[in-house]
Amino acid sequence: PRIMATLPAGLTELQHHSLANAVESAGGRNISVI
């Protein structure tokens, strides 16, 4: 599936990647983190 995941404002790029990678393991195809 396509997944849009959310996170708090003002986080670092590393924290964006960390969330995207966790969601990736759940089976997403295209992950957008906003």
Full PDB file with SEQRES, HELIX, SHEET, SSBOND, CRYST1, ORIGX, SCALE, CONECT and MASTER records, all heavy atoms in Angstrom:
SEQRES   1 A   34  PRO ARG ILE MET ALA THR LEU PRO ALA GLY LEU THR GLU          
SEQRES   2 A   34  LEU GLN HIS HIS SER LEU ALA ASN ALA VAL GLU SER ALA          
SEQRES   3 A   34  GLY GLY ARG ASN ILE SER VAL ILE                              
HELIX    1 AA1 GLU A   13  GLU A   24  1                                  12    
SHEET    1 AA1 2 ILE A   3  ALA A   5  0                                        
SHEET    2 AA1 2 ILE A  31  VAL A  33  1                                        
CRYST1    1.000    1.000    1.000  90.00  90.00  90.00 P 1           1          
ORIGX1      1.000000  0.000000  0.000000        0.00000                         
ORIGX2      0.000000  1.000000  0.000000        0.00000                         
ORIGX3      0.000000  0.000000  1.000000        0.00000                         
SCALE1      1.000000  0.000000  0.000000        0.00000                         
SCALE2      0.000000  1.000000  0.000000        0.00000                         
SCALE3      0.000000  0.000000  1.000000        0.00000                         
ATOM      1  N   PRO A   1       0.817  -1.213   0.000  1.00  0.00           N  
ATOM      2  CA  PRO A   1       0.000   0.000   0.000  1.00  0.00           C  
ATOM      3  C   PRO A   1       0.855   1.269   0.000  1.00  0.00           C  
ATOM      4  O   PRO A   1       2.033   1.246   0.347  1.00  0.00           O  
ATOM      5  CB  PRO A   1      -0.761  -0.117   1.319  1.00  0.00           C  
ATOM      6  CG  PRO A   1       0.194  -0.837   2.218  1.00  0.00           C  
ATOM      7  CD  PRO A   1       0.892  -1.842   1.329  1.00  0.00           C  
ATOM      8  N   ARG A   2       0.226   2.369  -0.375  1.00  0.00           N  
ATOM      9  CA  ARG A   2       0.855   3.672  -0.209  1.00  0.00           C  
ATOM     10  C   ARG A   2       0.527   4.150   1.200  1.00  0.00           C  
ATOM     11  O   ARG A   2      -0.613   4.068   1.645  1.00  0.00           O  
ATOM     12  CB  ARG A   2       0.333   4.671  -1.235  1.00  0.00           C  
ATOM     13  CG  ARG A   2       0.713   4.325  -2.668  1.00  0.00           C  
ATOM     14  CD  ARG A   2       0.341   5.465  -3.590  1.00  0.00           C  
ATOM     15  NE  ARG A   2      -1.088   5.799  -3.485  1.00  0.00           N  
ATOM     16  CZ  ARG A   2      -1.606   6.959  -3.849  1.00  0.00           C  
ATOM     17  NH1 ARG A   2      -0.820   7.921  -4.300  1.00  0.00           N  
ATOM     18  NH2 ARG A   2      -2.910   7.176  -3.753  1.00  0.00           N  
ATOM     19  N   ILE A   3       1.538   4.674   1.885  1.00  0.00           N  
ATOM     20  CA  ILE A   3       1.350   5.047   3.288  1.00  0.00           C  
ATOM     21  C   ILE A   3       1.810   6.485   3.511  1.00  0.00           C  
ATOM     22  O   ILE A   3       2.885   6.879   3.060  1.00  0.00           O  
ATOM     23  CB  ILE A   3       2.132   4.100   4.224  1.00  0.00           C  
ATOM     24  CG1 ILE A   3       1.555   2.669   4.136  1.00  0.00           C  
ATOM     25  CG2 ILE A   3       2.077   4.594   5.662  1.00  0.00           C  
ATOM     26  CD1 ILE A   3       2.300   1.660   4.974  1.00  0.00           C  
ATOM     27  N   MET A   4       0.987   7.253   4.213  1.00  0.00           N  
ATOM     28  CA  MET A   4       1.359   8.580   4.675  1.00  0.00           C  
ATOM     29  C   MET A   4       1.467   8.513   6.191  1.00  0.00           C  
ATOM     30  O   MET A   4       0.475   8.278   6.887  1.00  0.00           O  
ATOM     31  CB  MET A   4       0.310   9.613   4.258  1.00  0.00           C  
ATOM     32  CG  MET A   4       0.641  11.032   4.680  1.00  0.00           C  
ATOM     33  SD  MET A   4       1.969  11.766   3.692  1.00  0.00           S  
ATOM     34  CE  MET A   4       1.057  12.182   2.195  1.00  0.00           C  
ATOM     35  N   ALA A   5       2.676   8.685   6.716  1.00  0.00           N  
ATOM     36  CA  ALA A   5       2.905   8.639   8.159  1.00  0.00           C  
ATOM     37  C   ALA A   5       3.209  10.038   8.667  1.00  0.00           C  
ATOM     38  O   ALA A   5       3.805  10.855   7.958  1.00  0.00           O  
ATOM     39  CB  ALA A   5       4.059   7.691   8.483  1.00  0.00           C  
ATOM     40  N   THR A   6       2.810  10.326   9.888  1.00  0.00           N  
ATOM     41  CA  THR A   6       3.003  11.659  10.449  1.00  0.00           C  
ATOM     42  C   THR A   6       3.971  11.613  11.623  1.00  0.00           C  
ATOM     43  O   THR A   6       4.135  10.586  12.277  1.00  0.00           O  
ATOM     44  CB  THR A   6       1.673  12.258  10.931  1.00  0.00           C  
ATOM     45  OG1 THR A   6       1.173  11.478  12.023  1.00  0.00           O  
ATOM     46  CG2 THR A   6       0.646  12.248   9.800  1.00  0.00           C  
ATOM     47  N   LEU A   7       4.598  12.740  11.885  1.00  0.00           N  
ATOM     48  CA  LEU A   7       5.507  12.876  13.008  1.00  0.00           C  
ATOM     49  C   LEU A   7       5.492  14.324  13.473  1.00  0.00           C  
ATOM     50  O   LEU A   7       5.017  15.211  12.762  1.00  0.00           O  
ATOM     51  CB  LEU A   7       6.920  12.427  12.636  1.00  0.00           C  
ATOM     52  CG  LEU A   7       7.820  13.332  11.793  1.00  0.00           C  
ATOM     53  CD1 LEU A   7       9.192  12.688  11.655  1.00  0.00           C  
ATOM     54  CD2 LEU A   7       7.251  13.595  10.415  1.00  0.00           C  
ATOM     55  N   PRO A   8       5.994  14.608  14.677  1.00  0.00           N  
ATOM     56  CA  PRO A   8       5.971  15.989  15.178  1.00  0.00           C  
ATOM     57  C   PRO A   8       6.749  16.942  14.290  1.00  0.00           C  
ATOM     58  O   PRO A   8       7.644  16.541  13.547  1.00  0.00           O  
ATOM     59  CB  PRO A   8       6.626  15.865  16.567  1.00  0.00           C  
ATOM     60  CG  PRO A   8       6.412  14.451  16.965  1.00  0.00           C  
ATOM     61  CD  PRO A   8       6.488  13.667  15.690  1.00  0.00           C  
ATOM     62  N   ALA A   9       6.414  18.217  14.389  1.00  0.00           N  
ATOM     63  CA  ALA A   9       7.095  19.238  13.598  1.00  0.00           C  
ATOM     64  C   ALA A   9       8.519  19.452  14.101  1.00  0.00           C  
ATOM     65  O   ALA A   9       8.811  19.282  15.282  1.00  0.00           O  
ATOM     66  CB  ALA A   9       6.317  20.553  13.668  1.00  0.00           C  
ATOM     67  N   GLY A  10       9.392  19.793  13.182  1.00  0.00           N  
ATOM     68  CA  GLY A  10      10.731  20.211  13.550  1.00  0.00           C  
ATOM     69  C   GLY A  10      11.721  19.104  13.862  1.00  0.00           C  
ATOM     70  O   GLY A  10      12.782  19.366  14.434  1.00  0.00           O  
ATOM     71  N   LEU A  11      11.412  17.851  13.494  1.00  0.00           N  
ATOM     72  CA  LEU A  11      12.352  16.766  13.750  1.00  0.00           C  
ATOM     73  C   LEU A  11      13.444  16.742  12.686  1.00  0.00           C  
ATOM     74  O   LEU A  11      13.331  17.340  11.625  1.00  0.00           O  
ATOM     75  CB  LEU A  11      11.626  15.417  13.780  1.00  0.00           C  
ATOM     76  CG  LEU A  11      10.588  15.221  14.887  1.00  0.00           C  
ATOM     77  CD1 LEU A  11      10.112  13.783  14.906  1.00  0.00           C  
ATOM     78  CD2 LEU A  11      11.156  15.597  16.255  1.00  0.00           C  
ATOM     79  N   THR A  12      14.513  16.021  12.988  1.00  0.00           N  
ATOM     80  CA  THR A  12      15.661  15.963  12.083  1.00  0.00           C  
ATOM     81  C   THR A  12      15.397  15.001  10.925  1.00  0.00           C  
ATOM     82  O   THR A  12      14.473  14.179  10.969  1.00  0.00           O  
ATOM     83  CB  THR A  12      16.915  15.492  12.839  1.00  0.00           C  
ATOM     84  OG1 THR A  12      16.711  14.134  13.275  1.00  0.00           O  
ATOM     85  CG2 THR A  12      17.189  16.370  14.050  1.00  0.00           C  
ATOM     86  N   GLU A  13      16.246  15.088   9.911  1.00  0.00           N  
ATOM     87  CA  GLU A  13      16.136  14.192   8.765  1.00  0.00           C  
ATOM     88  C   GLU A  13      16.338  12.745   9.196  1.00  0.00           C  
ATOM     89  O   GLU A  13      15.688  11.827   8.678  1.00  0.00           O  
ATOM     90  CB  GLU A  13      17.177  14.580   7.716  1.00  0.00           C  
ATOM     91  CG  GLU A  13      17.057  13.797   6.410  1.00  0.00           C  
ATOM     92  CD  GLU A  13      15.786  14.103   5.650  1.00  0.00           C  
ATOM     93  OE1 GLU A  13      15.188  15.161   5.890  1.00  0.00           O  
ATOM     94  OE2 GLU A  13      15.371  13.262   4.829  1.00  0.00           O  
ATOM     95  N   LEU A  14      17.225  12.518  10.167  1.00  0.00           N  
ATOM     96  CA  LEU A  14      17.462  11.166  10.672  1.00  0.00           C  
ATOM     97  C   LEU A  14      16.205  10.594  11.311  1.00  0.00           C  
ATOM     98  O   LEU A  14      15.877   9.413  11.133  1.00  0.00           O  
ATOM     99  CB  LEU A  14      18.607  11.173  11.691  1.00  0.00           C  
ATOM    100  CG  LEU A  14      18.962   9.822  12.324  1.00  0.00           C  
ATOM    101  CD1 LEU A  14      19.401   8.826  11.263  1.00  0.00           C  
ATOM    102  CD2 LEU A  14      20.042   9.993  13.391  1.00  0.00           C  
ATOM    103  N   GLN A  15      15.480  11.429  12.039  1.00  0.00           N  
ATOM    104  CA  GLN A  15      14.251  10.971  12.672  1.00  0.00           C  
ATOM    105  C   GLN A  15      13.166  10.703  11.629  1.00  0.00           C  
ATOM    106  O   GLN A  15      12.356   9.800  11.793  1.00  0.00           O  
ATOM    107  CB  GLN A  15      13.800  12.001  13.704  1.00  0.00           C  
ATOM    108  CG  GLN A  15      14.696  12.033  14.934  1.00  0.00           C  
ATOM    109  CD  GLN A  15      14.515  13.282  15.780  1.00  0.00           C  
ATOM    110  OE1 GLN A  15      14.150  14.346  15.275  1.00  0.00           O  
ATOM    111  NE2 GLN A  15      14.768  13.162  17.072  1.00  0.00           N  
ATOM    112  N   HIS A  16      13.167  11.489  10.537  1.00  0.00           N  
ATOM    113  CA  HIS A  16      12.265  11.211   9.425  1.00  0.00           C  
ATOM    114  C   HIS A  16      12.563   9.824   8.847  1.00  0.00           C  
ATOM    115  O   HIS A  16      11.654   9.026   8.602  1.00  0.00           O  
ATOM    116  CB  HIS A  16      12.447  12.263   8.325  1.00  0.00           C  
ATOM    117  CG  HIS A  16      11.671  13.513   8.544  1.00  0.00           C  
ATOM    118  ND1 HIS A  16      10.595  13.872   7.769  1.00  0.00           N  
ATOM    119  CD2 HIS A  16      11.803  14.494   9.466  1.00  0.00           C  
ATOM    120  CE1 HIS A  16      10.105  15.024   8.188  1.00  0.00           C  
ATOM    121  NE2 HIS A  16      10.830  15.428   9.215  1.00  0.00           N  
ATOM    122  N   HIS A  17      13.849   9.552   8.620  1.00  0.00           N  
ATOM    123  CA  HIS A  17      14.254   8.266   8.059  1.00  0.00           C  
ATOM    124  C   HIS A  17      13.894   7.115   9.002  1.00  0.00           C  
ATOM    125  O   HIS A  17      13.480   6.046   8.548  1.00  0.00           O  
ATOM    126  CB  HIS A  17      15.759   8.260   7.786  1.00  0.00           C  
ATOM    127  CG  HIS A  17      16.130   8.877   6.474  1.00  0.00           C  
ATOM    128  ND1 HIS A  17      15.914   8.248   5.262  1.00  0.00           N  
ATOM    129  CD2 HIS A  17      16.683  10.071   6.175  1.00  0.00           C  
ATOM    130  CE1 HIS A  17      16.333   9.019   4.283  1.00  0.00           C  
ATOM    131  NE2 HIS A  17      16.802  10.142   4.802  1.00  0.00           N  
ATOM    132  N   SER A  18      14.073   7.334  10.294  1.00  0.00           N  
ATOM    133  CA  SER A  18      13.787   6.291  11.266  1.00  0.00           C  
ATOM    134  C   SER A  18      12.326   5.879  11.215  1.00  0.00           C  
ATOM    135  O   SER A  18      11.994   4.690  11.200  1.00  0.00           O  
ATOM    136  CB  SER A  18      14.154   6.789  12.676  1.00  0.00           C  
ATOM    137  OG  SER A  18      13.906   5.786  13.641  1.00  0.00           O  
ATOM    138  N   LEU A  19      11.423   6.874  11.147  1.00  0.00           N  
ATOM    139  CA  LEU A  19      10.001   6.571  11.051  1.00  0.00           C  
ATOM    140  C   LEU A  19       9.679   5.894   9.726  1.00  0.00           C  
ATOM    141  O   LEU A  19       8.941   4.901   9.676  1.00  0.00           O  
ATOM    142  CB  LEU A  19       9.175   7.845  11.209  1.00  0.00           C  
ATOM    143  CG  LEU A  19       7.659   7.692  11.022  1.00  0.00           C  
ATOM    144  CD1 LEU A  19       7.087   6.692  12.027  1.00  0.00           C  
ATOM    145  CD2 LEU A  19       6.952   9.033  11.158  1.00  0.00           C  
ATOM    146  N   ALA A  20      10.241   6.411   8.621  1.00  0.00           N  
ATOM    147  CA  ALA A  20       9.975   5.829   7.304  1.00  0.00           C  
ATOM    148  C   ALA A  20      10.429   4.373   7.249  1.00  0.00           C  
ATOM    149  O   ALA A  20       9.738   3.513   6.697  1.00  0.00           O  
ATOM    150  CB  ALA A  20      10.673   6.646   6.220  1.00  0.00           C  
ATOM    151  N   ASN A  21      11.582   4.075   7.844  1.00  0.00           N  
ATOM    152  CA  ASN A  21      12.096   2.709   7.830  1.00  0.00           C  
ATOM    153  C   ASN A  21      11.223   1.766   8.647  1.00  0.00           C  
ATOM    154  O   ASN A  21      11.029   0.603   8.285  1.00  0.00           O  
ATOM    155  CB  ASN A  21      13.529   2.682   8.358  1.00  0.00           C  
ATOM    156  CG  ASN A  21      14.511   3.310   7.394  1.00  0.00           C  
ATOM    157  OD1 ASN A  21      14.271   3.360   6.194  1.00  0.00           O  
ATOM    158  ND2 ASN A  21      15.625   3.815   7.920  1.00  0.00           N  
ATOM    159  N   ALA A  22      10.682   2.268   9.785  1.00  0.00           N  
ATOM    160  CA  ALA A  22       9.800   1.433  10.604  1.00  0.00           C  
ATOM    161  C   ALA A  22       8.509   1.119   9.847  1.00  0.00           C  
ATOM    162  O   ALA A  22       8.032  -0.019   9.851  1.00  0.00           O  
ATOM    163  CB  ALA A  22       9.485   2.136  11.920  1.00  0.00           C  
ATOM    164  N   VAL A  23       7.967   2.129   9.169  1.00  0.00           N  
ATOM    165  CA  VAL A  23       6.742   1.920   8.391  1.00  0.00           C  
ATOM    166  C   VAL A  23       7.029   1.009   7.198  1.00  0.00           C  
ATOM    167  O   VAL A  23       6.193   0.191   6.807  1.00  0.00           O  
ATOM    168  CB  VAL A  23       6.167   3.267   7.921  1.00  0.00           C  
ATOM    169  CG1 VAL A  23       4.951   3.054   7.030  1.00  0.00           C  
ATOM    170  CG2 VAL A  23       5.786   4.130   9.116  1.00  0.00           C  
ATOM    171  N   GLU A  24       8.222   1.138   6.644  1.00  0.00           N  
ATOM    172  CA  GLU A  24       8.638   0.298   5.524  1.00  0.00           C  
ATOM    173  C   GLU A  24       8.532  -1.181   5.874  1.00  0.00           C  
ATOM    174  O   GLU A  24       8.065  -2.000   5.077  1.00  0.00           O  
ATOM    175  CB  GLU A  24      10.074   0.657   5.141  1.00  0.00           C  
ATOM    176  CG  GLU A  24      10.687  -0.193   4.054  1.00  0.00           C  
ATOM    177  CD  GLU A  24      12.145   0.190   3.829  1.00  0.00           C  
ATOM    178  OE1 GLU A  24      12.884   0.356   4.821  1.00  0.00           O  
ATOM    179  OE2 GLU A  24      12.518   0.331   2.671  1.00  0.00           O  
ATOM    180  N   SER A  25       8.935  -1.509   7.090  1.00  0.00           N  
ATOM    181  CA  SER A  25       8.915  -2.910   7.509  1.00  0.00           C  
ATOM    182  C   SER A  25       7.500  -3.455   7.642  1.00  0.00           C  
ATOM    183  O   SER A  25       7.306  -4.665   7.696  1.00  0.00           O  
ATOM    184  CB  SER A  25       9.643  -3.055   8.853  1.00  0.00           C  
ATOM    185  OG  SER A  25      10.993  -2.669   8.730  1.00  0.00           O  
ATOM    186  N   ALA A  26       6.527  -2.533   7.695  1.00  0.00           N  
ATOM    187  CA  ALA A  26       5.139  -2.969   7.814  1.00  0.00           C  
ATOM    188  C   ALA A  26       4.494  -3.246   6.464  1.00  0.00           C  
ATOM    189  O   ALA A  26       3.345  -3.671   6.400  1.00  0.00           O  
ATOM    190  CB  ALA A  26       4.321  -1.928   8.573  1.00  0.00           C  
ATOM    191  N   GLY A  27       5.205  -2.970   5.373  1.00  0.00           N  
ATOM    192  CA  GLY A  27       4.704  -3.365   4.065  1.00  0.00           C  
ATOM    193  C   GLY A  27       4.322  -2.260   3.124  1.00  0.00           C  
ATOM    194  O   GLY A  27       3.595  -2.505   2.168  1.00  0.00           O  
ATOM    195  N   GLY A  28       4.770  -1.029   3.359  1.00  0.00           N  
ATOM    196  CA  GLY A  28       4.414   0.076   2.479  1.00  0.00           C  
ATOM    197  C   GLY A  28       5.173   0.053   1.158  1.00  0.00           C  
ATOM    198  O   GLY A  28       6.274  -0.480   1.066  1.00  0.00           O  
ATOM    199  N   ARG A  29       4.588   0.631   0.134  1.00  0.00           N  
ATOM    200  CA  ARG A  29       5.263   0.742  -1.157  1.00  0.00           C  
ATOM    201  C   ARG A  29       5.904   2.129  -1.290  1.00  0.00           C  
ATOM    202  O   ARG A  29       7.096   2.249  -1.452  1.00  0.00           O  
ATOM    203  CB  ARG A  29       4.264   0.515  -2.296  1.00  0.00           C  
ATOM    204  CG  ARG A  29       4.900   0.621  -3.680  1.00  0.00           C  
ATOM    205  CD  ARG A  29       3.894   0.319  -4.788  1.00  0.00           C  
ATOM    206  NE  ARG A  29       2.967   1.416  -5.024  1.00  0.00           N  
ATOM    207  CZ  ARG A  29       1.671   1.375  -4.770  1.00  0.00           C  
ATOM    208  NH1 ARG A  29       1.157   0.279  -4.229  1.00  0.00           N  
ATOM    209  NH2 ARG A  29       0.891   2.401  -5.028  1.00  0.00           N  
ATOM    210  N   ASN A  30       5.091   3.158  -1.247  1.00  0.00           N  
ATOM    211  CA  ASN A  30       5.570   4.533  -1.258  1.00  0.00           C  
ATOM    212  C   ASN A  30       5.227   5.167   0.077  1.00  0.00           C  
ATOM    213  O   ASN A  30       4.065   5.234   0.451  1.00  0.00           O  
ATOM    214  CB  ASN A  30       4.916   5.339  -2.394  1.00  0.00           C  
ATOM    215  CG  ASN A  30       5.388   4.886  -3.759  1.00  0.00           C  
ATOM    216  OD1 ASN A  30       6.559   4.556  -3.925  1.00  0.00           O  
ATOM    217  ND2 ASN A  30       4.483   4.834  -4.721  1.00  0.00           N  
ATOM    218  N   ILE A  31       6.231   5.615   0.776  1.00  0.00           N  
ATOM    219  CA  ILE A  31       6.025   6.173   2.107  1.00  0.00           C  
ATOM    220  C   ILE A  31       6.323   7.662   2.077  1.00  0.00           C  
ATOM    221  O   ILE A  31       7.410   8.076   1.681  1.00  0.00           O  
ATOM    222  CB  ILE A  31       6.935   5.503   3.150  1.00  0.00           C  
ATOM    223  CG1 ILE A  31       6.666   3.996   3.192  1.00  0.00           C  
ATOM    224  CG2 ILE A  31       6.714   6.107   4.526  1.00  0.00           C  
ATOM    225  CD1 ILE A  31       7.662   3.231   4.017  1.00  0.00           C  
ATOM    226  N   SER A  32       5.361   8.448   2.490  1.00  0.00           N  
ATOM    227  CA  SER A  32       5.560   9.878   2.635  1.00  0.00           C  
ATOM    228  C   SER A  32       5.455  10.216   4.114  1.00  0.00           C  
ATOM    229  O   SER A  32       4.511   9.797   4.785  1.00  0.00           O  
ATOM    230  CB  SER A  32       4.502  10.651   1.842  1.00  0.00           C  
ATOM    231  OG  SER A  32       4.779  12.018   1.852  1.00  0.00           O  
ATOM    232  N   VAL A  33       6.439  10.933   4.619  1.00  0.00           N  
ATOM    233  CA  VAL A  33       6.468  11.303   6.031  1.00  0.00           C  
ATOM    234  C   VAL A  33       6.318  12.815   6.131  1.00  0.00           C  
ATOM    235  O   VAL A  33       7.132  13.559   5.596  1.00  0.00           O  
ATOM    236  CB  VAL A  33       7.785  10.855   6.698  1.00  0.00           C  
ATOM    237  CG1 VAL A  33       7.806  11.259   8.166  1.00  0.00           C  
ATOM    238  CG2 VAL A  33       7.962   9.343   6.570  1.00  0.00           C  
ATOM    239  N   ILE A  34       5.254  13.268   6.787  1.00  0.00           N  
ATOM    240  CA  ILE A  34       5.020  14.705   6.907  1.00  0.00           C  
ATOM    241  C   ILE A  34       4.727  15.083   8.354  1.00  0.00           C  
ATOM    242  O   ILE A  34       4.381  14.229   9.175  1.00  0.00           O  
ATOM    243  CB  ILE A  34       3.851  15.172   6.013  1.00  0.00           C  
ATOM    244  CG1 ILE A  34       2.555  14.455   6.397  1.00  0.00           C  
ATOM    245  CG2 ILE A  34       4.171  14.984   4.544  1.00  0.00           C  
ATOM    246  CD1 ILE A  34       1.333  15.014   5.714  1.00  0.00           C  
TER     247      ILE A  34                                                      
MASTER        0    0    0    1    2    0    0    6  246    1    0    3          
END                                                                             
